[in-house]
Every structure is written in structure tokens, then in C-alpha cells.
């Protein structure tokens, strides 16, 4: 007989830090069998979005930027935070336009994933935007330094196979894209 897994009961919550880009709390929780875990840490983030954007010519729109935690430069999907009250698709369209100057096309939500449901409480909404066009210039945040890079489908696939995509929340929708296209 399969074991029934049940939710934990939160007995107490205490915030450790509340900053615009980092909110952490510690929960005291009771497991279904009665055991108490006095310190379960949770990172609270707003929901995120990312966009697999492809031009009418079949080029993937990537952003190249420095990532301080890894101390390296990476080619990534356009991504960002969904602002309070903003629908995920609106956030994705805004981020693509701000970071790359690309817009339009046909948009599809391809997957909704979490970075680590054990310790993080947000979701990432992954969109496919096909047929995007360059309509303007970048409008970057003060802390952003981004180069727009266009890649062929083959270059993106080879980048994944070569393990060059280190952002898991971006690798997942790209792998899904290729899996649904029949590439293995």
C-alpha cells in the first residue's frame, strides 16, 4: 500500500530579511506524524518570466550578460520579474521589449516551473514567442548591461548539448522546445 504524503502545518513564521530582491523567512513546521522541524528556511520571490523568442527568420533572441554569483558571462533567454498585479504574459512581453527591443509575434505559455519548491515559493512562467521583430531599442534597468545575440536553432541546440546553459529555468523550456520539435 502506498504511503499517503500530507502537507505540513506551519506553527510559526519569522522573517530574517526583507529586501527588494531578497526576502527570507524561517518557519517552524509540524510534520503529519507530529514531529516538529524548528527551522525550515524559505526564500520568497515574486514570480518570474522567461521568453524563448524566435524571429520570423528563425533566429533565437538571446541576451548576453555577466552573472555575478558565477563570476562569468552567459548567453541566456530574456527573463525578469513579474511586477505586482502584472499578468505573466504582460511581464514577458515587457521584459523582451525592454531587454532586446523585440516585440510582436505569436505567444504561447510552454511551461510553468519552480526553481526549488523545497525552499523557494515562486513560479517561472516560460513563454515561446514566434515571429518577433526588432521594433525599438533596449530600455535597461540601472544594474543591467546586456548585449542582444541572435543564434540559429543549431547553435542553441549545440549550446544545450555542450552544457553551456547554466540557468536551469532557461534550459528547461529550451529542452522542451527541442523535445516537442522531435530533436533528441
N, C-alpha and C. Protein backbone atom coordinates (compact mmCIF):
# COMPACT_ATOMS: atom_id res chain seq x y z
N UNK A 1 0.84 -1.18 0.00
CA UNK A 1 0.00 0.00 0.00
C UNK A 1 0.89 1.25 0.00
N UNK A 2 0.55 2.21 -0.84
CA UNK A 2 1.33 3.44 -0.95
C UNK A 2 1.12 4.34 0.26
N UNK A 3 2.19 4.96 0.67
CA UNK A 3 2.12 5.89 1.79
C UNK A 3 1.45 7.18 1.34
N UNK A 4 0.56 7.73 2.14
CA UNK A 4 -0.10 8.99 1.83
C UNK A 4 0.77 10.13 2.35
N UNK A 5 1.20 11.00 1.45
CA UNK A 5 2.01 12.16 1.82
C UNK A 5 1.07 13.32 2.08
N UNK A 6 1.21 13.95 3.22
CA UNK A 6 0.33 15.05 3.61
C UNK A 6 1.13 16.35 3.77
N UNK A 7 0.41 17.46 3.77
CA UNK A 7 1.03 18.77 3.95
C UNK A 7 1.53 18.94 5.38
N UNK A 8 2.52 19.81 5.53
CA UNK A 8 2.99 20.20 6.85
C UNK A 8 2.12 21.33 7.38
N UNK A 9 2.13 21.49 8.68
CA UNK A 9 1.41 22.58 9.33
C UNK A 9 2.43 23.62 9.79
N UNK A 10 2.23 24.88 9.37
CA UNK A 10 3.12 25.96 9.79
C UNK A 10 2.66 26.45 11.16
N UNK A 11 3.56 26.33 12.14
CA UNK A 11 3.25 26.74 13.52
C UNK A 11 3.66 28.18 13.79
N UNK A 12 4.72 28.63 13.13
CA UNK A 12 5.23 29.98 13.37
C UNK A 12 6.09 30.39 12.18
N UNK A 13 6.10 31.68 11.87
CA UNK A 13 6.93 32.23 10.80
C UNK A 13 7.66 33.45 11.33
N UNK A 14 8.95 33.52 11.02
CA UNK A 14 9.76 34.69 11.41
C UNK A 14 10.59 35.10 10.20
N UNK A 15 10.53 36.39 9.87
CA UNK A 15 11.33 36.89 8.74
C UNK A 15 12.73 37.24 9.20
N UNK A 16 13.71 36.80 8.42
CA UNK A 16 15.12 37.04 8.70
C UNK A 16 15.57 38.32 8.00
N UNK A 17 15.12 38.48 6.74
CA UNK A 17 15.47 39.66 5.96
C UNK A 17 14.35 39.94 4.97
N UNK A 18 14.04 41.21 4.80
CA UNK A 18 13.06 41.66 3.81
C UNK A 18 13.67 42.81 3.03
N UNK A 19 14.16 42.50 1.84
CA UNK A 19 14.76 43.49 0.96
C UNK A 19 14.08 43.35 -0.41
N UNK A 20 14.22 44.37 -1.27
CA UNK A 20 13.53 44.27 -2.57
C UNK A 20 13.87 43.00 -3.35
N UNK A 21 15.11 42.51 -3.28
CA UNK A 21 15.49 41.34 -4.08
C UNK A 21 15.84 40.13 -3.23
N UNK A 22 15.62 40.21 -1.92
CA UNK A 22 15.89 39.06 -1.07
C UNK A 22 14.98 39.11 0.16
N UNK A 23 14.08 38.17 0.22
CA UNK A 23 13.22 38.01 1.39
C UNK A 23 13.37 36.56 1.84
N UNK A 24 13.75 36.39 3.10
CA UNK A 24 13.95 35.04 3.64
C UNK A 24 13.22 34.93 4.97
N UNK A 25 12.60 33.79 5.14
CA UNK A 25 11.89 33.53 6.40
C UNK A 25 12.27 32.15 6.91
N UNK A 26 12.04 31.96 8.21
CA UNK A 26 12.20 30.65 8.80
C UNK A 26 10.85 30.25 9.40
N UNK A 27 10.38 29.08 9.01
CA UNK A 27 9.11 28.55 9.51
C UNK A 27 9.38 27.44 10.51
N UNK A 28 8.58 27.40 11.55
CA UNK A 28 8.56 26.25 12.46
C UNK A 28 7.36 25.43 12.01
N UNK A 29 7.61 24.18 11.60
CA UNK A 29 6.55 23.37 11.00
C UNK A 29 6.38 22.04 11.75
N UNK A 30 5.16 21.55 11.65
CA UNK A 30 4.85 20.24 12.22
C UNK A 30 4.54 19.29 11.07
N UNK A 31 5.26 18.17 11.05
CA UNK A 31 5.02 17.15 10.03
C UNK A 31 3.76 16.37 10.39
N UNK A 32 3.15 15.68 9.43
CA UNK A 32 1.91 14.95 9.69
C UNK A 32 2.01 13.93 10.83
N UNK A 33 3.21 13.38 11.08
CA UNK A 33 3.36 12.39 12.16
C UNK A 33 3.59 13.04 13.52
N UNK A 34 3.56 14.39 13.56
CA UNK A 34 3.70 15.09 14.83
C UNK A 34 5.07 15.66 15.10
N UNK A 35 6.09 15.19 14.38
CA UNK A 35 7.43 15.74 14.60
C UNK A 35 7.46 17.23 14.27
N UNK A 36 8.31 17.97 14.97
CA UNK A 36 8.46 19.41 14.76
C UNK A 36 9.82 19.68 14.12
N UNK A 37 9.82 20.44 13.04
CA UNK A 37 11.05 20.94 12.44
C UNK A 37 11.11 22.42 12.82
N UNK A 38 12.03 22.81 13.69
CA UNK A 38 12.03 24.19 14.19
C UNK A 38 12.58 25.22 13.19
N UNK A 39 13.27 24.77 12.15
CA UNK A 39 13.89 25.72 11.22
C UNK A 39 13.79 25.21 9.77
N UNK A 40 12.73 25.60 9.09
CA UNK A 40 12.64 25.33 7.66
C UNK A 40 12.70 26.69 6.96
N UNK A 41 13.76 26.91 6.17
CA UNK A 41 14.00 28.20 5.55
C UNK A 41 13.33 28.29 4.19
N UNK A 42 12.73 29.45 3.92
CA UNK A 42 12.04 29.70 2.66
C UNK A 42 12.49 31.04 2.11
N UNK A 43 12.86 31.05 0.83
CA UNK A 43 13.17 32.28 0.12
C UNK A 43 11.92 32.69 -0.65
N UNK A 44 11.47 33.92 -0.42
CA UNK A 44 10.29 34.43 -1.09
C UNK A 44 10.72 35.34 -2.24
N UNK A 45 10.20 35.05 -3.42
CA UNK A 45 10.48 35.86 -4.60
C UNK A 45 9.16 36.14 -5.32
N UNK A 46 9.11 37.22 -6.09
CA UNK A 46 7.96 37.38 -6.98
C UNK A 46 8.07 36.34 -8.09
N UNK A 47 6.98 36.13 -8.81
CA UNK A 47 7.04 35.22 -9.94
C UNK A 47 7.94 35.79 -11.02
N UNK A 48 8.57 34.89 -11.78
CA UNK A 48 9.48 35.26 -12.84
C UNK A 48 8.90 34.83 -14.18
N UNK A 49 9.45 35.39 -15.25
CA UNK A 49 9.09 35.01 -16.61
C UNK A 49 10.37 34.84 -17.43
N UNK A 50 10.31 33.99 -18.44
CA UNK A 50 11.37 33.96 -19.43
C UNK A 50 10.75 33.71 -20.80
N UNK A 51 11.49 34.09 -21.84
CA UNK A 51 10.95 34.07 -23.19
C UNK A 51 11.93 33.40 -24.14
N UNK A 52 11.48 32.32 -24.79
CA UNK A 52 12.18 31.77 -25.93
C UNK A 52 11.62 32.52 -27.13
N UNK A 53 12.35 33.55 -27.55
CA UNK A 53 11.89 34.41 -28.64
C UNK A 53 12.60 34.02 -29.92
N UNK A 54 11.82 33.84 -30.99
CA UNK A 54 12.35 33.43 -32.29
C UNK A 54 11.84 34.40 -33.34
N UNK A 55 12.76 34.92 -34.13
CA UNK A 55 12.39 35.87 -35.19
C UNK A 55 11.70 35.15 -36.34
N UNK A 56 11.11 35.92 -37.23
CA UNK A 56 10.47 35.35 -38.43
C UNK A 56 11.48 34.59 -39.28
N UNK A 57 12.76 34.97 -39.18
CA UNK A 57 13.83 34.31 -39.93
C UNK A 57 14.36 33.07 -39.21
N UNK A 58 13.80 32.74 -38.05
CA UNK A 58 14.21 31.55 -37.32
C UNK A 58 15.38 31.73 -36.37
N UNK A 59 15.76 32.96 -36.09
CA UNK A 59 16.85 33.23 -35.16
C UNK A 59 16.30 33.36 -33.73
N UNK A 60 17.02 32.75 -32.79
CA UNK A 60 16.66 32.84 -31.37
C UNK A 60 17.26 34.12 -30.80
N UNK A 61 16.47 34.88 -30.07
CA UNK A 61 16.92 36.14 -29.47
C UNK A 61 17.42 35.84 -28.06
N UNK A 62 18.73 35.96 -27.88
CA UNK A 62 19.36 35.73 -26.57
C UNK A 62 19.90 37.05 -26.03
N UNK A 63 20.14 37.06 -24.73
CA UNK A 63 20.81 38.19 -24.09
C UNK A 63 22.10 37.67 -23.48
N UNK A 64 23.15 38.43 -23.67
CA UNK A 64 24.46 38.08 -23.10
C UNK A 64 24.71 39.06 -21.95
N UNK A 65 24.99 38.49 -20.76
CA UNK A 65 25.23 39.35 -19.61
C UNK A 65 26.09 38.65 -18.56
N UNK A 66 26.70 39.47 -17.74
CA UNK A 66 27.53 38.99 -16.64
C UNK A 66 26.63 38.55 -15.50
N UNK A 67 26.96 37.41 -14.87
CA UNK A 67 26.24 36.91 -13.71
C UNK A 67 27.21 36.82 -12.55
N UNK A 68 27.03 37.73 -11.60
CA UNK A 68 28.00 37.92 -10.53
C UNK A 68 28.19 36.67 -9.65
N UNK A 69 27.11 35.98 -9.31
CA UNK A 69 27.23 34.81 -8.43
C UNK A 69 28.14 33.74 -9.03
N UNK A 70 28.16 33.60 -10.35
CA UNK A 70 29.03 32.65 -11.04
C UNK A 70 30.30 33.30 -11.56
N UNK A 71 30.37 34.63 -11.46
CA UNK A 71 31.53 35.40 -11.93
C UNK A 71 31.88 35.07 -13.38
N UNK A 72 30.85 35.10 -14.24
CA UNK A 72 31.06 34.76 -15.64
C UNK A 72 29.99 35.42 -16.50
N UNK A 73 30.21 35.41 -17.80
CA UNK A 73 29.27 35.95 -18.78
C UNK A 73 28.54 34.79 -19.43
N UNK A 74 27.22 34.92 -19.59
CA UNK A 74 26.41 33.84 -20.14
C UNK A 74 25.46 34.37 -21.21
N UNK A 75 25.14 33.51 -22.17
CA UNK A 75 24.07 33.74 -23.12
C UNK A 75 22.82 33.09 -22.55
N UNK A 76 21.75 33.88 -22.43
CA UNK A 76 20.54 33.41 -21.76
C UNK A 76 19.30 33.87 -22.52
N UNK A 77 18.17 33.31 -22.11
CA UNK A 77 16.89 33.80 -22.59
C UNK A 77 16.60 35.14 -21.92
N UNK A 78 15.80 35.93 -22.56
CA UNK A 78 15.31 37.15 -21.94
C UNK A 78 14.42 36.73 -20.76
N UNK A 79 14.60 37.39 -19.62
CA UNK A 79 13.85 36.99 -18.43
C UNK A 79 13.74 38.16 -17.47
N UNK A 80 12.83 38.01 -16.51
CA UNK A 80 12.69 39.05 -15.50
C UNK A 80 11.58 38.76 -14.52
N UNK A 81 11.28 39.76 -13.73
CA UNK A 81 10.29 39.66 -12.66
C UNK A 81 8.92 40.09 -13.17
N UNK A 82 7.92 39.38 -12.74
CA UNK A 82 6.54 39.79 -12.98
C UNK A 82 6.17 40.75 -11.87
N UNK A 83 5.91 42.00 -12.24
CA UNK A 83 5.59 43.02 -11.25
C UNK A 83 4.24 42.74 -10.59
N UNK A 84 4.05 43.27 -9.39
CA UNK A 84 2.80 43.06 -8.65
C UNK A 84 1.62 43.52 -9.51
N UNK A 85 0.63 42.64 -9.67
CA UNK A 85 -0.56 42.93 -10.45
C UNK A 85 -0.42 42.72 -11.95
N UNK A 86 0.77 42.38 -12.40
CA UNK A 86 1.03 42.19 -13.82
C UNK A 86 0.83 40.72 -14.19
N UNK A 87 0.11 40.46 -15.25
CA UNK A 87 -0.06 39.10 -15.74
C UNK A 87 1.27 38.60 -16.30
N UNK A 88 1.57 37.30 -16.15
CA UNK A 88 2.86 36.78 -16.64
C UNK A 88 3.14 37.11 -18.11
N UNK A 89 2.16 36.98 -18.99
CA UNK A 89 2.41 37.26 -20.41
C UNK A 89 2.72 38.74 -20.61
N UNK A 90 2.09 39.62 -19.84
CA UNK A 90 2.40 41.05 -19.93
C UNK A 90 3.84 41.30 -19.49
N UNK A 91 4.24 40.65 -18.40
CA UNK A 91 5.61 40.80 -17.91
C UNK A 91 6.62 40.29 -18.93
N UNK A 92 6.31 39.16 -19.56
CA UNK A 92 7.21 38.58 -20.55
C UNK A 92 7.35 39.50 -21.77
N UNK A 93 6.24 40.04 -22.24
CA UNK A 93 6.29 40.96 -23.38
C UNK A 93 7.09 42.22 -23.02
N UNK A 94 6.88 42.74 -21.82
CA UNK A 94 7.60 43.94 -21.36
C UNK A 94 9.09 43.66 -21.26
N UNK A 95 9.46 42.54 -20.64
CA UNK A 95 10.88 42.20 -20.49
C UNK A 95 11.56 42.03 -21.84
N UNK A 96 10.90 41.35 -22.77
CA UNK A 96 11.50 41.15 -24.09
C UNK A 96 11.75 42.50 -24.77
N UNK A 97 10.78 43.39 -24.72
CA UNK A 97 10.93 44.70 -25.34
C UNK A 97 12.02 45.51 -24.64
N UNK A 98 12.01 45.55 -23.31
CA UNK A 98 12.99 46.34 -22.56
C UNK A 98 14.42 45.84 -22.77
N UNK A 99 14.61 44.52 -22.70
CA UNK A 99 15.96 43.96 -22.75
C UNK A 99 16.51 43.84 -24.17
N UNK A 100 15.62 43.68 -25.16
CA UNK A 100 16.11 43.38 -26.51
C UNK A 100 15.61 44.33 -27.60
N UNK A 101 14.51 45.03 -27.36
CA UNK A 101 13.92 45.84 -28.41
C UNK A 101 13.05 45.04 -29.37
N UNK A 102 12.84 43.74 -29.09
CA UNK A 102 11.99 42.89 -29.92
C UNK A 102 10.59 42.80 -29.34
N UNK A 103 9.60 42.63 -30.23
CA UNK A 103 8.20 42.53 -29.80
C UNK A 103 7.40 41.82 -30.88
N UNK A 104 6.10 41.66 -30.61
CA UNK A 104 5.18 41.06 -31.56
C UNK A 104 5.25 39.55 -31.54
N UNK A 105 4.78 38.96 -32.61
CA UNK A 105 4.80 37.51 -32.74
C UNK A 105 3.62 36.83 -32.08
N UNK A 106 3.63 35.51 -32.16
CA UNK A 106 2.60 34.68 -31.53
C UNK A 106 3.17 34.10 -30.24
N UNK A 107 2.44 34.27 -29.15
CA UNK A 107 2.92 33.90 -27.81
C UNK A 107 2.17 32.70 -27.28
N UNK A 108 2.93 31.77 -26.68
CA UNK A 108 2.36 30.57 -26.07
C UNK A 108 3.06 30.33 -24.74
N UNK A 109 2.30 30.03 -23.71
CA UNK A 109 2.88 29.58 -22.44
C UNK A 109 3.26 28.12 -22.63
N UNK A 110 4.55 27.82 -22.50
CA UNK A 110 5.01 26.45 -22.76
C UNK A 110 5.15 25.62 -21.49
N UNK A 111 5.45 26.27 -20.37
CA UNK A 111 5.56 25.54 -19.10
C UNK A 111 5.62 26.53 -17.96
N UNK A 112 5.24 26.05 -16.78
CA UNK A 112 5.35 26.81 -15.54
C UNK A 112 6.13 25.94 -14.57
N UNK A 113 7.28 26.46 -14.11
CA UNK A 113 8.17 25.65 -13.29
C UNK A 113 8.61 26.42 -12.05
N UNK A 114 9.11 25.67 -11.07
CA UNK A 114 9.66 26.26 -9.86
C UNK A 114 11.14 25.94 -9.77
N UNK A 115 11.89 26.87 -9.23
CA UNK A 115 13.34 26.64 -9.16
C UNK A 115 13.70 25.61 -8.11
N UNK A 116 13.03 25.63 -6.97
CA UNK A 116 13.28 24.66 -5.91
C UNK A 116 12.12 24.72 -4.93
N UNK A 117 11.05 23.97 -5.16
CA UNK A 117 9.86 24.04 -4.32
C UNK A 117 10.09 23.72 -2.84
N UNK A 118 11.23 23.18 -2.51
CA UNK A 118 11.55 22.92 -1.11
C UNK A 118 11.85 24.20 -0.35
N UNK A 119 12.49 25.16 -1.02
CA UNK A 119 12.93 26.35 -0.31
C UNK A 119 12.56 27.67 -0.98
N UNK A 120 11.96 27.64 -2.16
CA UNK A 120 11.59 28.88 -2.86
C UNK A 120 10.10 28.83 -3.20
N UNK A 121 9.43 29.98 -3.05
CA UNK A 121 7.97 29.97 -3.17
C UNK A 121 7.42 30.52 -4.48
N UNK A 122 8.27 30.82 -5.45
CA UNK A 122 7.76 31.44 -6.68
C UNK A 122 7.74 30.47 -7.86
N UNK A 123 7.07 30.92 -8.91
CA UNK A 123 7.00 30.18 -10.16
C UNK A 123 7.67 30.96 -11.27
N UNK A 124 8.12 30.25 -12.29
CA UNK A 124 8.63 30.87 -13.50
C UNK A 124 7.72 30.46 -14.65
N UNK A 125 7.17 31.45 -15.33
CA UNK A 125 6.30 31.24 -16.48
C UNK A 125 7.16 31.35 -17.74
N UNK A 126 7.21 30.26 -18.51
CA UNK A 126 8.08 30.19 -19.68
C UNK A 126 7.23 30.32 -20.94
N UNK A 127 7.58 31.30 -21.76
CA UNK A 127 6.81 31.60 -22.97
C UNK A 127 7.65 31.34 -24.21
N UNK A 128 6.97 30.95 -25.28
CA UNK A 128 7.54 30.86 -26.61
C UNK A 128 6.90 31.99 -27.42
N UNK A 129 7.73 32.87 -27.98
CA UNK A 129 7.25 33.96 -28.83
C UNK A 129 7.84 33.75 -30.22
N UNK A 130 6.99 33.38 -31.16
CA UNK A 130 7.46 33.08 -32.51
C UNK A 130 7.09 34.22 -33.46
N UNK A 131 8.08 34.61 -34.28
CA UNK A 131 7.84 35.67 -35.25
C UNK A 131 8.05 37.07 -34.69
N UNK A 132 8.90 37.20 -33.66
CA UNK A 132 9.17 38.52 -33.09
C UNK A 132 9.99 39.35 -34.06
N UNK A 133 9.88 40.67 -33.92
CA UNK A 133 10.61 41.60 -34.79
C UNK A 133 11.26 42.68 -33.94
N UNK A 134 12.36 43.20 -34.45
CA UNK A 134 13.03 44.33 -33.80
C UNK A 134 12.17 45.57 -34.05
N UNK A 135 11.68 46.18 -32.96
CA UNK A 135 10.80 47.34 -33.10
C UNK A 135 11.35 48.59 -32.40
N UNK A 136 12.42 48.42 -31.63
CA UNK A 136 12.96 49.56 -30.91
C UNK A 136 14.30 49.24 -30.31
N UNK A 137 14.71 50.09 -29.38
CA UNK A 137 15.99 49.91 -28.72
C UNK A 137 15.78 49.38 -27.30
N UNK A 138 16.84 48.99 -26.67
CA UNK A 138 16.79 48.49 -25.29
C UNK A 138 16.45 49.63 -24.33
N UNK A 139 15.78 49.28 -23.25
CA UNK A 139 15.49 50.20 -22.14
C UNK A 139 15.84 49.44 -20.88
N UNK A 140 17.12 49.49 -20.50
CA UNK A 140 17.65 48.65 -19.43
C UNK A 140 17.53 49.30 -18.06
N UNK A 141 17.42 48.45 -17.04
CA UNK A 141 17.47 48.91 -15.66
C UNK A 141 18.88 49.38 -15.35
N UNK A 142 19.03 50.14 -14.28
CA UNK A 142 20.33 50.71 -13.90
C UNK A 142 21.40 49.65 -13.71
N UNK A 143 21.03 48.45 -13.26
CA UNK A 143 22.03 47.41 -12.99
C UNK A 143 22.22 46.44 -14.15
N UNK A 144 21.57 46.70 -15.29
CA UNK A 144 21.67 45.78 -16.43
C UNK A 144 22.69 46.27 -17.45
N UNK A 145 23.48 45.33 -17.95
CA UNK A 145 24.43 45.55 -19.03
C UNK A 145 24.28 44.35 -19.96
N UNK A 146 23.49 44.51 -21.01
CA UNK A 146 23.04 43.38 -21.83
C UNK A 146 23.36 43.61 -23.30
N UNK A 147 23.90 42.56 -23.93
CA UNK A 147 24.10 42.55 -25.37
C UNK A 147 23.09 41.57 -25.97
N UNK A 148 22.40 41.97 -27.02
CA UNK A 148 21.47 41.09 -27.72
C UNK A 148 22.26 40.24 -28.71
N UNK A 149 22.01 38.93 -28.69
CA UNK A 149 22.71 37.98 -29.55
C UNK A 149 21.68 37.12 -30.26
N UNK A 150 21.77 37.03 -31.56
CA UNK A 150 20.88 36.16 -32.34
C UNK A 150 21.61 34.86 -32.63
N UNK A 151 20.92 33.74 -32.41
CA UNK A 151 21.52 32.42 -32.61
C UNK A 151 20.62 31.58 -33.51
N UNK A 152 21.26 30.72 -34.27
CA UNK A 152 20.49 29.77 -35.08
C UNK A 152 19.96 28.67 -34.17
N UNK A 153 18.98 27.94 -34.68
CA UNK A 153 18.44 26.80 -33.92
C UNK A 153 19.55 25.80 -33.61
N UNK A 154 20.42 25.55 -34.56
CA UNK A 154 21.52 24.61 -34.37
C UNK A 154 22.46 25.09 -33.26
N UNK A 155 22.77 26.39 -33.24
CA UNK A 155 23.65 26.95 -32.20
C UNK A 155 23.03 26.79 -30.81
N UNK A 156 21.73 26.98 -30.71
CA UNK A 156 21.06 26.84 -29.41
C UNK A 156 21.09 25.38 -28.97
N UNK A 157 20.75 24.49 -29.88
CA UNK A 157 20.77 23.06 -29.56
C UNK A 157 22.18 22.62 -29.15
N UNK A 158 23.18 23.03 -29.90
CA UNK A 158 24.56 22.66 -29.58
C UNK A 158 25.00 23.23 -28.23
N UNK A 159 24.54 24.44 -27.90
CA UNK A 159 24.85 25.04 -26.61
C UNK A 159 24.29 24.19 -25.47
N UNK A 160 23.07 23.69 -25.65
CA UNK A 160 22.46 22.83 -24.63
C UNK A 160 23.23 21.51 -24.50
N UNK A 161 23.53 20.90 -25.61
CA UNK A 161 24.25 19.62 -25.60
C UNK A 161 25.63 19.78 -24.98
N UNK A 162 26.27 20.91 -25.21
CA UNK A 162 27.61 21.18 -24.67
C UNK A 162 27.57 21.62 -23.20
N UNK A 163 26.39 21.65 -22.61
CA UNK A 163 26.22 22.02 -21.19
C UNK A 163 26.69 23.45 -20.92
N UNK A 164 26.42 24.35 -21.86
CA UNK A 164 26.80 25.75 -21.69
C UNK A 164 25.70 26.59 -21.06
N UNK A 165 24.48 26.09 -21.00
CA UNK A 165 23.36 26.82 -20.39
C UNK A 165 23.32 26.46 -18.91
N UNK A 166 23.72 27.35 -18.06
CA UNK A 166 23.80 27.07 -16.62
C UNK A 166 22.55 27.48 -15.86
N UNK A 167 21.66 28.25 -16.48
CA UNK A 167 20.44 28.68 -15.83
C UNK A 167 19.37 27.62 -16.07
N UNK A 168 19.08 26.82 -15.05
CA UNK A 168 18.16 25.69 -15.19
C UNK A 168 16.76 26.12 -15.62
N UNK A 169 16.31 27.28 -15.16
CA UNK A 169 14.97 27.75 -15.50
C UNK A 169 14.88 28.21 -16.96
N UNK A 170 16.03 28.30 -17.61
CA UNK A 170 16.07 28.61 -19.05
C UNK A 170 16.38 27.37 -19.87
N UNK A 171 17.19 26.49 -19.33
CA UNK A 171 17.49 25.24 -20.04
C UNK A 171 16.23 24.40 -20.19
N UNK A 172 15.40 24.35 -19.17
CA UNK A 172 14.20 23.50 -19.21
C UNK A 172 13.27 23.86 -20.37
N UNK A 173 12.88 25.12 -20.56
CA UNK A 173 11.99 25.39 -21.69
C UNK A 173 12.66 25.21 -23.05
N UNK A 174 13.99 25.41 -23.11
CA UNK A 174 14.68 25.16 -24.37
C UNK A 174 14.70 23.67 -24.70
N UNK A 175 14.99 22.84 -23.69
CA UNK A 175 14.94 21.39 -23.92
C UNK A 175 13.53 20.97 -24.32
N UNK A 176 12.53 21.55 -23.69
CA UNK A 176 11.13 21.22 -24.04
C UNK A 176 10.84 21.61 -25.49
N UNK A 177 11.31 22.78 -25.89
CA UNK A 177 11.13 23.24 -27.26
C UNK A 177 11.67 22.18 -28.24
N UNK A 178 12.91 21.74 -28.00
CA UNK A 178 13.51 20.77 -28.91
C UNK A 178 12.84 19.40 -28.81
N UNK A 179 12.42 19.01 -27.61
CA UNK A 179 11.75 17.72 -27.45
C UNK A 179 10.44 17.70 -28.22
N UNK A 180 9.68 18.78 -28.16
CA UNK A 180 8.40 18.84 -28.86
C UNK A 180 8.59 18.97 -30.37
N UNK A 181 9.74 19.47 -30.80
CA UNK A 181 10.05 19.54 -32.24
C UNK A 181 10.53 18.21 -32.77
N UNK A 182 10.86 17.27 -31.86
CA UNK A 182 11.32 15.97 -32.31
C UNK A 182 12.83 15.83 -32.34
N UNK A 183 13.55 16.82 -31.77
CA UNK A 183 15.01 16.72 -31.71
C UNK A 183 15.38 15.96 -30.45
N UNK A 184 16.23 14.96 -30.59
CA UNK A 184 16.70 14.23 -29.41
C UNK A 184 18.17 13.98 -29.53
